[in-house]
Protein backbone atom coordinates (compact mmCIF):
# COMPACT_ATOMS: atom_id res chain seq x y z
CA LYS A 1 -39.85 39.14 -10.38
CA TYR A 2 -37.04 39.16 -7.84
CA THR A 3 -35.90 42.58 -7.79
CA LYS A 4 -38.48 43.12 -4.78
CA PHE A 5 -37.73 41.71 -1.53
CA SER A 6 -37.74 43.22 2.68
CA ILE A 7 -35.22 41.50 5.01
CA SER A 8 -36.63 41.15 8.17
CA TYR A 9 -34.15 39.82 11.34
CA TYR A 10 -34.87 38.85 14.29
CA TRP A 11 -34.70 36.29 17.33
CA ILE A 12 -36.46 33.07 18.87
CA ASN A 13 -36.14 32.87 22.55
CA SER A 14 -35.88 29.60 24.91
CA LEU A 15 -39.42 28.82 25.55
CA GLY A 16 -39.89 29.58 21.89
CA GLN A 17 -40.66 33.03 21.45
CA LYS A 18 -39.63 34.94 18.03
CA THR A 19 -39.37 39.25 18.67
CA SER A 20 -38.92 41.07 15.62
CA ILE A 21 -35.39 42.90 15.95
CA TYR A 22 -35.30 44.75 12.10
CA HIS A 23 -36.92 44.91 9.07
CA ARG A 24 -36.59 46.81 5.50
CA SER A 25 -37.98 46.51 2.11
CA GLU A 26 -35.58 46.51 -1.20
CA ASN A 27 -36.48 47.46 -4.10
CA VAL A 28 -32.73 46.46 -6.04
CA PRO A 29 -32.55 47.83 -9.95
CA ILE A 30 -31.15 45.18 -12.19
CA PRO A 31 -28.45 47.36 -14.79
CA PRO A 32 -28.61 46.89 -18.63
CA GLY A 33 -27.15 43.79 -19.89
CA GLU A 34 -27.19 41.89 -16.20
CA GLU A 35 -30.90 40.45 -17.07
CA ASN A 36 -30.46 37.38 -16.38
CA LYS A 37 -27.56 37.23 -13.95
CA THR A 38 -27.74 35.71 -10.20
CA ALA A 39 -26.07 38.15 -8.03
CA THR A 40 -24.93 38.27 -4.16
CA ILE A 41 -25.69 41.19 -3.04
CA PRO A 42 -24.63 41.37 0.91
CA TYR A 43 -26.45 42.43 3.68
CA ASP A 44 -25.04 43.21 7.35
CA HIS A 45 -26.60 43.91 10.31
CA THR A 46 -25.34 44.84 13.99
CA ILE A 47 -27.17 44.29 17.34
CA THR A 48 -26.42 46.39 19.43
CA SER A 49 -25.37 45.50 23.64
CA LEU A 50 -28.06 43.71 24.26
CA GLU A 51 -30.56 44.56 26.85
CA ASN A 52 -30.34 41.40 29.77
CA THR A 53 -30.00 38.13 30.19
CA SER A 54 -33.47 38.04 28.43
CA SER A 55 -31.62 38.24 25.26
CA THR A 56 -29.83 34.99 24.78
CA GLY A 57 -31.74 33.49 22.25
CA THR A 58 -31.40 32.33 18.81
CA TYR A 59 -30.97 34.86 16.24
CA TYR A 60 -32.11 35.08 12.80
CA CYS A 61 -32.62 36.29 9.09
CA ASP A 62 -34.54 35.70 6.38
CA VAL A 63 -35.61 37.73 2.67
CA LYS A 64 -39.23 37.05 1.28
CA TRP A 65 -40.07 37.70 -2.06
CA ASP A 66 -43.93 36.75 -3.30
CA ASP A 67 -43.73 33.45 -3.46
CA ILE A 68 -39.98 32.40 -1.50
CA GLN A 69 -38.74 33.11 2.10
CA ILE A 70 -35.41 31.69 2.74
CA MET A 71 -34.40 31.95 6.84
CA GLY A 72 -30.83 31.44 7.32
CA LYS A 73 -29.30 28.98 9.80
CA GLY A 74 -29.13 31.94 13.02
CA VAL A 75 -26.92 32.05 15.46
CA PHE A 76 -26.88 30.96 19.37
CA VAL A 77 -26.47 34.44 21.45
CA LEU A 78 -25.70 33.64 24.76
CA ALA A 79 -26.39 37.18 27.22
CA ARG A 80 -25.20 37.20 30.86
CA ASP A 81 -24.36 38.86 33.95
CA THR A 82 -20.54 39.44 33.61
CA GLY A 83 -18.91 39.47 30.15
CA TYR A 84 -16.26 36.06 29.96
CA VAL A 85 -13.06 37.19 32.31
CA GLU A 86 -10.38 34.46 31.76
CA THR A 87 -7.92 33.91 35.12
CA PHE A 88 -4.98 34.74 35.18
CA TYR A 89 -2.86 32.40 38.52
CA VAL A 90 1.02 34.09 37.31
CA TRP A 91 0.91 35.85 40.58
CA GLU A 92 -0.40 32.79 42.24
CA ILE A 93 2.69 30.73 40.69
CA LEU A 94 5.48 33.16 41.36
CA ILE A 95 4.44 33.67 44.93
CA THR A 96 4.38 29.30 45.61
CA LEU A 97 8.03 29.22 43.68
CA THR A 98 9.12 32.16 45.85
CA VAL A 99 8.27 30.78 48.45
CA LEU A 100 9.68 27.22 48.27
CA LEU A 101 12.88 28.37 46.68
CA ALA A 102 12.98 30.50 50.12
CA VAL A 103 12.11 27.66 51.70
CA LEU A 104 14.88 25.39 50.06
CA SER A 105 17.43 28.07 50.64
CA ILE A 106 16.80 27.96 54.54
CA THR A 107 17.21 23.69 54.10
CA ALA A 108 19.30 23.74 52.45
CA THR A 109 21.82 26.72 54.55
CA ALA A 110 20.53 25.45 57.85
CA LEU A 111 21.75 21.83 56.89
CA LEU A 112 25.72 22.83 55.49
CA LEU A 113 26.06 25.17 59.44
CA TRP A 114 24.88 22.42 61.24
CA LYS A 115 27.08 19.00 59.27
CA ARG A 116 30.18 22.02 59.88
CA LYS A 117 29.70 21.51 63.52
C-alpha cells in the first residue's frame, strides 16, 4: 500500500501563491523479508540558480500516498540582486594606524628638538 507515492517540491511566495517546482512518482519494491519494517529513503532536490528577487519565498516538499499527505517544514530563501558582500576594514584601519604613528613620531621628534634648544 505504501510503496507507491509521489514527491512534490514547490514554493510559496510572499503573496501566498504556490508554484510547483518538481514532481515525481515512485514505486519502491519491498525486498523479501522486509515487508513489515519501517524504511527511510532520502530524496534530495537541488534548486538551481534563482532567476530573480521574486524567487524569495518558502520552499517545501511533500509526499502523498493514497490516503496520507506529509508536508515538510519548509525552508525560507531570500533572493537579492547582489550577493552578501562582507565588508572588511583592514586597509582603512592599517592606514589610520600608520598615519597616527607618523603624526606621533613627528610630534615626538619636534618636541625633542625643541627641548634641546
